[in-house]
Amino acid sequence: MLLNEKSLLLIWILSLFVGFSWLTVYAHTPGAEAHPEMRWPIESHLPNENAMPTLLVFLHPKCSCSEATLAELERLMPVIRNRIRVIVILAEIPPGPSKWFEHENEVVDRLAAEAIVVFKDRDGVEARRFDAQTSGQTLLYDQSHFLYFRGGLTPSRGHRGDSEGRTAILSYLAGPTQTRERPLQSRVFGCLLRKSSLTKNQVSP
Protein backbone atom coordinates (compact mmCIF):
# COMPACT_ATOMS: atom_id res chain seq x y z
CA MET A 1 0.00 0.00 0.00
CA LEU A 2 1.51 3.29 -1.08
CA LEU A 3 1.86 6.04 1.51
CA ASN A 4 -0.08 9.21 0.80
CA GLU A 5 1.47 12.67 0.85
CA LYS A 6 0.33 13.43 4.41
CA SER A 7 1.94 10.24 5.72
CA LEU A 8 5.21 10.99 3.93
CA LEU A 9 5.19 14.53 5.31
CA LEU A 10 4.58 13.23 8.84
CA ILE A 11 7.45 10.73 8.53
CA TRP A 12 9.74 13.49 7.26
CA ILE A 13 8.81 15.80 10.15
CA LEU A 14 9.34 13.03 12.70
CA SER A 15 12.72 12.19 11.18
CA LEU A 16 13.80 15.81 11.42
CA PHE A 17 12.63 15.98 15.03
CA VAL A 18 14.47 12.80 16.03
CA GLY A 19 17.63 13.92 14.24
CA PHE A 20 17.57 17.39 15.80
CA SER A 21 16.88 15.95 19.26
CA TRP A 22 19.80 13.55 18.95
CA LEU A 23 22.17 16.33 17.86
CA THR A 24 21.03 18.52 20.74
CA VAL A 25 21.58 15.78 23.31
CA TYR A 26 24.96 14.89 21.80
CA ALA A 27 26.13 18.52 21.75
CA HIS A 28 25.39 18.88 25.47
CA THR A 29 26.74 15.51 26.58
CA PRO A 30 30.08 16.09 28.32
CA GLY A 31 33.12 13.88 28.00
CA ALA A 32 34.91 12.06 30.80
CA GLU A 33 36.32 14.41 33.43
CA ALA A 34 39.92 14.50 34.57
CA HIS A 35 40.70 13.86 38.22
CA PRO A 36 44.37 14.82 38.50
CA GLU A 37 46.30 15.08 41.72
CA MET A 38 45.99 18.42 43.47
CA ARG A 39 49.73 19.07 43.03
CA TRP A 40 51.53 19.18 39.65
CA PRO A 41 52.99 15.68 39.08
CA ILE A 42 56.73 15.79 39.67
CA GLU A 43 57.36 13.19 36.95
CA SER A 44 55.82 15.39 34.24
CA HIS A 45 58.11 16.60 31.46
CA LEU A 46 55.96 19.64 30.69
CA PRO A 47 57.81 22.92 31.30
CA ASN A 48 57.14 24.18 34.80
CA GLU A 49 60.43 25.71 35.83
CA ASN A 50 59.25 28.97 37.38
CA ALA A 51 56.62 30.15 39.81
CA MET A 52 53.99 31.20 37.30
CA PRO A 53 50.35 30.09 36.91
CA THR A 54 50.07 27.53 34.11
CA LEU A 55 47.11 26.62 31.93
CA LEU A 56 47.23 23.19 30.30
CA VAL A 57 44.94 22.45 27.33
CA PHE A 58 44.82 18.89 26.00
CA LEU A 59 43.68 18.60 22.37
CA HIS A 60 43.16 15.76 19.92
CA PRO A 61 43.97 16.86 16.34
CA LYS A 62 41.20 14.68 14.87
CA CYS A 63 38.46 15.89 17.21
CA SER A 64 36.06 18.24 15.45
CA CYS A 65 35.53 20.05 18.76
CA SER A 66 39.20 21.06 19.01
CA GLU A 67 38.77 24.08 16.74
CA ALA A 68 36.17 25.58 19.08
CA THR A 69 38.44 25.04 22.08
CA LEU A 70 41.34 26.65 20.24
CA ALA A 71 39.17 29.61 19.26
CA GLU A 72 38.11 30.15 22.88
CA LEU A 73 41.73 29.89 24.00
CA GLU A 74 42.74 32.55 21.48
CA ARG A 75 39.92 34.75 22.77
CA LEU A 76 41.34 34.43 26.28
CA MET A 77 44.92 35.24 25.31
CA PRO A 78 44.66 39.07 25.26
CA VAL A 79 43.57 38.89 28.91
CA ILE A 80 45.91 36.20 30.26
CA ARG A 81 49.04 36.83 28.17
CA ASN A 82 52.10 37.42 30.38
CA ARG A 83 49.99 36.53 33.41
CA ILE A 84 49.33 32.84 32.83
CA ARG A 85 51.62 30.56 30.85
CA VAL A 86 49.69 28.41 28.36
CA ILE A 87 50.72 24.96 27.15
CA VAL A 88 48.72 23.08 24.51
CA ILE A 89 49.34 19.34 24.66
CA LEU A 90 48.58 17.75 21.28
CA ALA A 91 47.80 14.05 21.21
CA GLU A 92 50.14 12.26 18.84
CA ILE A 93 48.06 10.00 16.59
CA PRO A 94 48.62 7.74 13.55
CA PRO A 95 48.55 9.38 10.10
CA GLY A 96 45.17 9.71 8.44
CA PRO A 97 42.63 12.20 7.13
CA SER A 98 42.55 15.23 9.38
CA LYS A 99 42.24 18.95 8.79
CA TRP A 100 44.76 19.56 11.54
CA PHE A 101 47.34 17.20 10.07
CA GLU A 102 46.94 18.67 6.60
CA HIS A 103 47.73 22.09 8.06
CA GLU A 104 49.78 21.04 11.08
CA ASN A 105 52.44 23.72 10.63
CA GLU A 106 49.78 26.40 10.29
CA VAL A 107 48.16 25.31 13.55
CA VAL A 108 51.49 25.28 15.38
CA ASP A 109 52.37 28.71 13.98
CA ARG A 110 48.97 29.98 15.03
CA LEU A 111 49.60 28.84 18.60
CA ALA A 112 53.15 30.19 18.62
CA ALA A 113 51.86 33.60 17.50
CA GLU A 114 49.82 33.70 20.70
CA ALA A 115 52.89 32.82 22.81
CA ILE A 116 51.44 29.38 23.47
CA VAL A 117 53.83 26.49 24.07
CA VAL A 118 53.04 23.38 21.99
CA PHE A 119 53.92 19.95 23.34
CA LYS A 120 53.35 16.78 21.30
CA ASP A 121 52.30 14.07 23.69
CA ARG A 122 53.91 10.88 22.42
CA ASP A 123 51.87 7.80 23.37
CA GLY A 124 49.64 9.96 25.60
CA VAL A 125 52.12 9.89 28.47
CA GLU A 126 51.37 13.39 29.78
CA ALA A 127 47.62 12.90 29.30
CA ARG A 128 47.81 9.92 31.63
CA ARG A 129 49.95 11.77 34.15
CA PHE A 130 47.29 14.49 34.40
CA ASP A 131 44.40 12.04 33.93
CA ALA A 132 43.17 13.96 30.85
CA GLN A 133 40.64 11.79 29.03
CA THR A 134 38.72 14.21 26.81
CA SER A 135 39.95 16.55 24.09
CA GLY A 136 39.50 20.08 25.38
CA GLN A 137 40.41 19.18 28.97
CA THR A 138 41.85 22.28 30.62
CA LEU A 139 43.74 22.46 33.90
CA LEU A 140 44.83 25.67 35.62
CA TYR A 141 47.61 25.45 38.21
CA ASP A 142 48.52 28.37 40.43
CA GLN A 143 52.03 29.78 40.88
CA SER A 144 52.70 27.20 43.60
CA HIS A 145 51.70 24.39 41.20
CA PHE A 146 48.42 23.55 42.94
CA LEU A 147 45.30 22.81 40.89
CA TYR A 148 42.85 25.73 40.78
CA PHE A 149 40.49 24.68 37.97
CA ARG A 150 39.67 21.63 35.85
CA GLY A 151 37.13 21.58 33.02
CA GLY A 152 36.59 22.84 29.47
CA LEU A 153 36.55 26.15 27.61
CA THR A 154 33.44 25.62 25.45
CA PRO A 155 29.73 25.69 26.40
CA SER A 156 29.00 22.51 24.41
CA ARG A 157 30.55 20.25 21.77
CA GLY A 158 32.11 22.23 18.95
CA HIS A 159 30.41 25.48 19.98
CA ARG A 160 32.09 28.75 20.85
CA GLY A 161 30.96 31.26 23.43
CA ASP A 162 31.18 32.11 27.11
CA SER A 163 31.53 29.12 29.40
CA GLU A 164 32.02 28.21 33.04
CA GLY A 165 35.63 27.44 32.22
CA ARG A 166 36.30 30.92 30.89
CA THR A 167 34.63 32.42 33.96
CA ALA A 168 36.78 30.29 36.29
CA ILE A 169 40.03 31.35 34.62
CA LEU A 170 39.06 35.03 34.72
CA SER A 171 38.13 34.65 38.39
CA TYR A 172 41.67 33.52 39.10
CA LEU A 173 43.05 36.74 37.64
CA ALA A 174 40.56 38.75 39.68
CA GLY A 175 41.83 37.09 42.84
CA PRO A 176 41.53 33.36 43.57
CA THR A 177 39.05 32.51 46.29
CA GLN A 178 38.97 28.70 46.08
CA THR A 179 40.74 26.53 48.60
CA ARG A 180 43.34 24.08 47.34
CA GLU A 181 41.20 21.20 48.57
CA ARG A 182 38.33 22.09 46.24
CA PRO A 183 39.32 23.41 42.81
CA LEU A 184 36.76 25.03 40.55
CA GLN A 185 35.42 22.71 37.90
CA SER A 186 33.20 22.60 34.83
CA ARG A 187 32.14 20.07 32.23
CA VAL A 188 34.42 19.37 29.28
CA PHE A 189 33.08 18.73 25.79
CA GLY A 190 35.09 16.80 23.24
CA CYS A 191 36.18 13.46 21.84
CA LEU A 192 38.04 10.67 23.58
CA LEU A 193 41.61 11.86 23.96
CA ARG A 194 43.31 8.51 24.25
CA LYS A 195 42.37 4.86 23.89
CA SER A 196 44.96 3.41 26.21
CA SER A 197 43.61 1.71 29.31
CA LEU A 198 46.70 2.66 31.31
CA THR A 199 46.05 4.93 34.25
CA LYS A 200 48.24 7.76 35.46
CA ASN A 201 49.61 5.48 38.18
CA GLN A 202 50.90 3.07 35.56
CA VAL A 203 53.02 5.62 33.75
CA SER A 204 56.73 5.40 34.41
CA PRO A 205 58.69 8.63 35.02
C-alpha atoms as a PDB file:
ATOM      1  CA  MET A   1       0.000   0.000   0.000  1.00  0.00           C
ATOM      2  CA  LEU A   2       1.506   3.292  -1.075  1.00  0.00           C
ATOM      3  CA  LEU A   3       1.856   6.041   1.512  1.00  0.00           C
ATOM      4  CA  ASN A   4      -0.078   9.206   0.799  1.00  0.00           C
ATOM      5  CA  GLU A   5       1.473  12.674   0.847  1.00  0.00           C
ATOM      6  CA  LYS A   6       0.333  13.428   4.407  1.00  0.00           C
ATOM      7  CA  SER A   7       1.939  10.238   5.725  1.00  0.00           C
ATOM      8  CA  LEU A   8       5.207  10.988   3.935  1.00  0.00           C
ATOM      9  CA  LEU A   9       5.192  14.526   5.308  1.00  0.00           C
ATOM     10  CA  LEU A  10       4.582  13.234   8.835  1.00  0.00           C
ATOM     11  CA  ILE A  11       7.455  10.733   8.533  1.00  0.00           C
ATOM     12  CA  TRP A  12       9.738  13.492   7.263  1.00  0.00           C
ATOM     13  CA  ILE A  13       8.814  15.802  10.147  1.00  0.00           C
ATOM     14  CA  LEU A  14       9.344  13.026  12.701  1.00  0.00           C
ATOM     15  CA  SER A  15      12.716  12.194  11.178  1.00  0.00           C
ATOM     16  CA  LEU A  16      13.795  15.809  11.420  1.00  0.00           C
ATOM     17  CA  PHE A  17      12.628  15.985  15.030  1.00  0.00           C
ATOM     18  CA  VAL A  18      14.470  12.801  16.026  1.00  0.00           C
ATOM     19  CA  GLY A  19      17.628  13.924  14.244  1.00  0.00           C
ATOM     20  CA  PHE A  20      17.565  17.389  15.800  1.00  0.00           C
ATOM     21  CA  SER A  21      16.878  15.950  19.262  1.00  0.00           C
ATOM     22  CA  TRP A  22      19.804  13.549  18.947  1.00  0.00           C
ATOM     23  CA  LEU A  23      22.167  16.325  17.856  1.00  0.00           C
ATOM     24  CA  THR A  24      21.030  18.523  20.740  1.00  0.00           C
ATOM     25  CA  VAL A  25      21.579  15.778  23.309  1.00  0.00           C
ATOM     26  CA  TYR A  26      24.962  14.887  21.802  1.00  0.00           C
ATOM     27  CA  ALA A  27      26.128  18.516  21.754  1.00  0.00           C
ATOM     28  CA  HIS A  28      25.393  18.879  25.471  1.00  0.00           C
ATOM     29  CA  THR A  29      26.741  15.509  26.577  1.00  0.00           C
ATOM     30  CA  PRO A  30      30.078  16.089  28.322  1.00  0.00           C
ATOM     31  CA  GLY A  31      33.123  13.880  28.003  1.00  0.00           C
ATOM     32  CA  ALA A  32      34.909  12.065  30.805  1.00  0.00           C
ATOM     33  CA  GLU A  33      36.322  14.415  33.428  1.00  0.00           C
ATOM     34  CA  ALA A  34      39.919  14.503  34.565  1.00  0.00           C
ATOM     35  CA  HIS A  35      40.701  13.864  38.224  1.00  0.00           C
ATOM     36  CA  PRO A  36      44.366  14.823  38.500  1.00  0.00           C
ATOM     37  CA  GLU A  37      46.296  15.081  41.722  1.00  0.00           C
ATOM     38  CA  MET A  38      45.994  18.421  43.474  1.00  0.00           C
ATOM     39  CA  ARG A  39      49.728  19.073  43.026  1.00  0.00           C
ATOM     40  CA  TRP A  40      51.530  19.180  39.653  1.00  0.00           C
ATOM     41  CA  PRO A  41      52.990  15.678  39.084  1.00  0.00           C
ATOM     42  CA  ILE A  42      56.735  15.793  39.673  1.00  0.00           C
ATOM     43  CA  GLU A  43      57.355  13.186  36.949  1.00  0.00           C
ATOM     44  CA  SER A  44      55.817  15.390  34.236  1.00  0.00           C
ATOM     45  CA  HIS A  45      58.110  16.604  31.456  1.00  0.00           C
ATOM     46  CA  LEU A  46      55.959  19.644  30.685  1.00  0.00           C
ATOM     47  CA  PRO A  47      57.812  22.922  31.301  1.00  0.00           C
ATOM     48  CA  ASN A  48      57.138  24.183  34.800  1.00  0.00           C
ATOM     49  CA  GLU A  49      60.426  25.712  35.828  1.00  0.00           C
ATOM     50  CA  ASN A  50      59.255  28.968  37.375  1.00  0.00           C
ATOM     51  CA  ALA A  51      56.622  30.148  39.814  1.00  0.00           C
ATOM     52  CA  MET A  52      53.994  31.203  37.297  1.00  0.00           C
ATOM     53  CA  PRO A  53      50.353  30.086  36.911  1.00  0.00           C
ATOM     54  CA  THR A  54      50.070  27.535  34.108  1.00  0.00           C
ATOM     55  CA  LEU A  55      47.113  26.618  31.928  1.00  0.00           C
ATOM     56  CA  LEU A  56      47.234  23.186  30.300  1.00  0.00           C
ATOM     57  CA  VAL A  57      44.945  22.453  27.334  1.00  0.00           C
ATOM     58  CA  PHE A  58      44.819  18.890  25.995  1.00  0.00           C
ATOM     59  CA  LEU A  59      43.676  18.602  22.372  1.00  0.00           C
ATOM     60  CA  HIS A  60      43.156  15.757  19.922  1.00  0.00           C
ATOM     61  CA  PRO A  61      43.967  16.864  16.341  1.00  0.00           C
ATOM     62  CA  LYS A  62      41.200  14.679  14.871  1.00  0.00           C
ATOM     63  CA  CYS A  63      38.462  15.886  17.211  1.00  0.00           C
ATOM     64  CA  SER A  64      36.060  18.241  15.451  1.00  0.00           C
ATOM     65  CA  CYS A  65      35.530  20.054  18.757  1.00  0.00           C
ATOM     66  CA  SER A  66      39.202  21.065  19.008  1.00  0.00           C
ATOM     67  CA  GLU A  67      38.770  24.085  16.744  1.00  0.00           C
ATOM     68  CA  ALA A  68      36.165  25.582  19.085  1.00  0.00           C
ATOM     69  CA  THR A  69      38.442  25.040  22.084  1.00  0.00           C
ATOM     70  CA  LEU A  70      41.344  26.646  20.241  1.00  0.00           C
ATOM     71  CA  ALA A  71      39.166  29.614  19.257  1.00  0.00           C
ATOM     72  CA  GLU A  72      38.109  30.152  22.884  1.00  0.00           C
ATOM     73  CA  LEU A  73      41.728  29.893  24.005  1.00  0.00           C
ATOM     74  CA  GLU A  74      42.736  32.546  21.476  1.00  0.00           C
ATOM     75  CA  ARG A  75      39.916  34.750  22.771  1.00  0.00           C
ATOM     76  CA  LEU A  76      41.343  34.434  26.280  1.00  0.00           C
ATOM     77  CA  MET A  77      44.915  35.236  25.313  1.00  0.00           C
ATOM     78  CA  PRO A  78      44.662  39.065  25.260  1.00  0.00           C
ATOM     79  CA  VAL A  79      43.566  38.889  28.911  1.00  0.00           C
ATOM     80  CA  ILE A  80      45.905  36.201  30.257  1.00  0.00           C
ATOM     81  CA  ARG A  81      49.040  36.830  28.165  1.00  0.00           C
ATOM     82  CA  ASN A  82      52.104  37.421  30.382  1.00  0.00           C
ATOM     83  CA  ARG A  83      49.986  36.528  33.414  1.00  0.00           C
ATOM     84  CA  ILE A  84      49.334  32.836  32.829  1.00  0.00           C
ATOM     85  CA  ARG A  85      51.620  30.563  30.849  1.00  0.00           C
ATOM     86  CA  VAL A  86      49.691  28.407  28.362  1.00  0.00           C
ATOM     87  CA  ILE A  87      50.723  24.958  27.147  1.00  0.00           C
ATOM     88  CA  VAL A  88      48.723  23.077  24.514  1.00  0.00           C
ATOM     89  CA  ILE A  89      49.341  19.336  24.659  1.00  0.00           C
ATOM     90  CA  LEU A  90      48.585  17.753  21.280  1.00  0.00           C
ATOM     91  CA  ALA A  91      47.805  14.052  21.215  1.00  0.00           C
ATOM     92  CA  GLU A  92      50.136  12.255  18.839  1.00  0.00           C
ATOM     93  CA  ILE A  93      48.056  10.003  16.591  1.00  0.00           C
ATOM     94  CA  PRO A  94      48.621   7.740  13.553  1.00  0.00           C
ATOM     95  CA  PRO A  95      48.551   9.377  10.102  1.00  0.00           C
ATOM     96  CA  GLY A  96      45.173   9.711   8.438  1.00  0.00           C
ATOM     97  CA  PRO A  97      42.628  12.204   7.133  1.00  0.00           C
ATOM     98  CA  SER A  98      42.554  15.229   9.385  1.00  0.00           C
ATOM     99  CA  LYS A  99      42.244  18.953   8.790  1.00  0.00           C
ATOM    100  CA  TRP A 100      44.758  19.563  11.540  1.00  0.00           C
ATOM    101  CA  PHE A 101      47.342  17.203  10.072  1.00  0.00           C
ATOM    102  CA  GLU A 102      46.944  18.668   6.603  1.00  0.00           C
ATOM    103  CA  HIS A 103      47.729  22.086   8.064  1.00  0.00           C
ATOM    104  CA  GLU A 104      49.777  21.042  11.083  1.00  0.00           C
ATOM    105  CA  ASN A 105      52.444  23.721  10.625  1.00  0.00           C
ATOM    106  CA  GLU A 106      49.778  26.401  10.293  1.00  0.00           C
ATOM    107  CA  VAL A 107      48.156  25.307  13.551  1.00  0.00           C
ATOM    108  CA  VAL A 108      51.489  25.276  15.383  1.00  0.00           C
ATOM    109  CA  ASP A 109      52.370  28.712  13.980  1.00  0.00           C
ATOM    110  CA  ARG A 110      48.966  29.978  15.031  1.00  0.00           C
ATOM    111  CA  LEU A 111      49.597  28.841  18.603  1.00  0.00           C
ATOM    112  CA  ALA A 112      53.146  30.193  18.619  1.00  0.00           C
ATOM    113  CA  ALA A 113      51.862  33.596  17.502  1.00  0.00           C
ATOM    114  CA  GLU A 114      49.819  33.696  20.701  1.00  0.00           C
ATOM    115  CA  ALA A 115      52.892  32.817  22.812  1.00  0.00           C
ATOM    116  CA  ILE A 116      51.436  29.379  23.473  1.00  0.00           C
ATOM    117  CA  VAL A 117      53.834  26.492  24.066  1.00  0.00           C
ATOM    118  CA  VAL A 118      53.043  23.383  21.991  1.00  0.00           C
ATOM    119  CA  PHE A 119      53.916  19.950  23.338  1.00  0.00           C
ATOM    120  CA  LYS A 120      53.350  16.777  21.300  1.00  0.00           C
ATOM    121  CA  ASP A 121      52.301  14.066  23.693  1.00  0.00           C
ATOM    122  CA  ARG A 122      53.908  10.883  22.421  1.00  0.00           C
ATOM    123  CA  ASP A 123      51.870   7.796  23.374  1.00  0.00           C
ATOM    124  CA  GLY A 124      49.642   9.957  25.595  1.00  0.00           C
ATOM    125  CA  VAL A 125      52.119   9.887  28.472  1.00  0.00           C
ATOM    126  CA  GLU A 126      51.368  13.387  29.781  1.00  0.00           C
ATOM    127  CA  ALA A 127      47.618  12.905  29.303  1.00  0.00           C
ATOM    128  CA  ARG A 128      47.807   9.916  31.635  1.00  0.00           C
ATOM    129  CA  ARG A 129      49.948  11.768  34.154  1.00  0.00           C
ATOM    130  CA  PHE A 130      47.294  14.489  34.397  1.00  0.00           C
ATOM    131  CA  ASP A 131      44.398  12.038  33.932  1.00  0.00           C
ATOM    132  CA  ALA A 132      43.172  13.961  30.854  1.00  0.00           C
ATOM    133  CA  GLN A 133      40.637  11.787  29.028  1.00  0.00           C
ATOM    134  CA  THR A 134      38.722  14.210  26.810  1.00  0.00           C
ATOM    135  CA  SER A 135      39.948  16.545  24.087  1.00  0.00           C
ATOM    136  CA  GLY A 136      39.504  20.079  25.381  1.00  0.00           C
ATOM    137  CA  GLN A 137      40.414  19.185  28.965  1.00  0.00           C
ATOM    138  CA  THR A 138      41.847  22.275  30.621  1.00  0.00           C
ATOM    139  CA  LEU A 139      43.743  22.463  33.900  1.00  0.00           C
ATOM    140  CA  LEU A 140      44.833  25.666  35.620  1.00  0.00           C
ATOM    141  CA  TYR A 141      47.608  25.445  38.215  1.00  0.00           C
ATOM    142  CA  ASP A 142      48.523  28.374  40.434  1.00  0.00           C
ATOM    143  CA  GLN A 143      52.029  29.779  40.877  1.00  0.00           C
ATOM    144  CA  SER A 144      52.698  27.202  43.598  1.00  0.00           C
ATOM    145  CA  HIS A 145      51.705  24.386  41.205  1.00  0.00           C
ATOM    146  CA  PHE A 146      48.415  23.552  42.939  1.00  0.00           C
ATOM    147  CA  LEU A 147      45.303  22.811  40.885  1.00  0.00           C
ATOM    148  CA  TYR A 148      42.855  25.727  40.776  1.00  0.00           C
ATOM    149  CA  PHE A 149      40.493  24.680  37.967  1.00  0.00           C
ATOM    150  CA  ARG A 150      39.667  21.634  35.850  1.00  0.00           C
ATOM    151  CA  GLY A 151      37.127  21.581  33.016  1.00  0.00           C
ATOM    152  CA  GLY A 152      36.586  22.844  29.466  1.00  0.00           C
ATOM    153  CA  LEU A 153      36.549  26.146  27.609  1.00  0.00           C
ATOM    154  CA  THR A 154      33.440  25.624  25.447  1.00  0.00           C
ATOM    155  CA  PRO A 155      29.732  25.692  26.402  1.00  0.00           C
ATOM    156  CA  SER A 156      28.996  22.511  24.406  1.00  0.00           C
ATOM    157  CA  ARG A 157      30.550  20.246  21.768  1.00  0.00           C
ATOM    158  CA  GLY A 158      32.106  22.235  18.947  1.00  0.00           C
ATOM    159  CA  HIS A 159      30.408  25.482  19.981  1.00  0.00           C
ATOM    160  CA  ARG A 160      32.085  28.753  20.853  1.00  0.00           C
ATOM    161  CA  GLY A 161      30.956  31.261  23.433  1.00  0.00           C
ATOM    162  CA  ASP A 162      31.180  32.108  27.110  1.00  0.00           C
ATOM    163  CA  SER A 163      31.526  29.124  29.404  1.00  0.00           C
ATOM    164  CA  GLU A 164      32.017  28.211  33.042  1.00  0.00           C
ATOM    165  CA  GLY A 165      35.634  27.438  32.222  1.00  0.00           C
ATOM    166  CA  ARG A 166      36.303  30.918  30.891  1.00  0.00           C
ATOM    167  CA  THR A 167      34.635  32.420  33.963  1.00  0.00           C
ATOM    168  CA  ALA A 168      36.776  30.289  36.287  1.00  0.00           C
ATOM    169  CA  ILE A 169      40.026  31.354  34.618  1.00  0.00           C
ATOM    170  CA  LEU A 170      39.063  35.027  34.723  1.00  0.00           C
ATOM    171  CA  SER A 171      38.130  34.645  38.392  1.00  0.00           C
ATOM    172  CA  TYR A 172      41.671  33.517  39.104  1.00  0.00           C
ATOM    173  CA  LEU A 173      43.046  36.738  37.640  1.00  0.00           C
ATOM    174  CA  ALA A 174      40.559  38.751  39.677  1.00  0.00           C
ATOM    175  CA  GLY A 175      41.834  37.087  42.844  1.00  0.00           C
ATOM    176  CA  PRO A 176      41.533  33.357  43.567  1.00  0.00           C
ATOM    177  CA  THR A 177      39.048  32.511  46.290  1.00  0.00           C
ATOM    178  CA  GLN A 178      38.973  28.701  46.082  1.00  0.00           C
ATOM    179  CA  THR A 179      40.741  26.528  48.605  1.00  0.00           C
ATOM    180  CA  ARG A 180      43.335  24.084  47.344  1.00  0.00           C
ATOM    181  CA  GLU A 181      41.203  21.202  48.572  1.00  0.00           C
ATOM    182  CA  ARG A 182      38.329  22.090  46.242  1.00  0.00           C
ATOM    183  CA  PRO A 183      39.324  23.410  42.807  1.00  0.00           C
ATOM    184  CA  LEU A 184      36.763  25.035  40.547  1.00  0.00           C
ATOM    185  CA  GLN A 185      35.418  22.708  37.895  1.00  0.00           C
ATOM    186  CA  SER A 186      33.200  22.602  34.830  1.00  0.00           C
ATOM    187  CA  ARG A 187      32.139  20.068  32.231  1.00  0.00           C
ATOM    188  CA  VAL A 188      34.423  19.374  29.280  1.00  0.00           C
ATOM    189  CA  PHE A 189      33.075  18.732  25.789  1.00  0.00           C
ATOM    190  CA  GLY A 190      35.092  16.797  23.241  1.00  0.00           C
ATOM    191  CA  CYS A 191      36.177  13.459  21.841  1.00  0.00           C
ATOM    192  CA  LEU A 192      38.036  10.674  23.576  1.00  0.00           C
ATOM    193  CA  LEU A 193      41.612  11.864  23.965  1.00  0.00           C
ATOM    194  CA  ARG A 194      43.308   8.507  24.253  1.00  0.00           C
ATOM    195  CA  LYS A 195      42.367   4.855  23.890  1.00  0.00           C
ATOM    196  CA  SER A 196      44.962   3.415  26.213  1.00  0.00           C
ATOM    197  CA  SER A 197      43.607   1.710  29.314  1.00  0.00           C
ATOM    198  CA  LEU A 198      46.700   2.657  31.308  1.00  0.00           C
ATOM    199  CA  THR A 199      46.049   4.927  34.250  1.00  0.00           C
ATOM    200  CA  LYS A 200      48.235   7.762  35.456  1.00  0.00           C
ATOM    201  CA  ASN A 201      49.607   5.483  38.178  1.00  0.00           C
ATOM    202  CA  GLN A 202      50.902   3.065  35.560  1.00  0.00           C
ATOM    203  CA  VAL A 203      53.023   5.623  33.745  1.00  0.00           C
ATOM    204  CA  SER A 204      56.732   5.399  34.408  1.00  0.00           C
ATOM    205  CA  PRO A 205      58.688   8.629  35.018  1.00  0.00           C
END
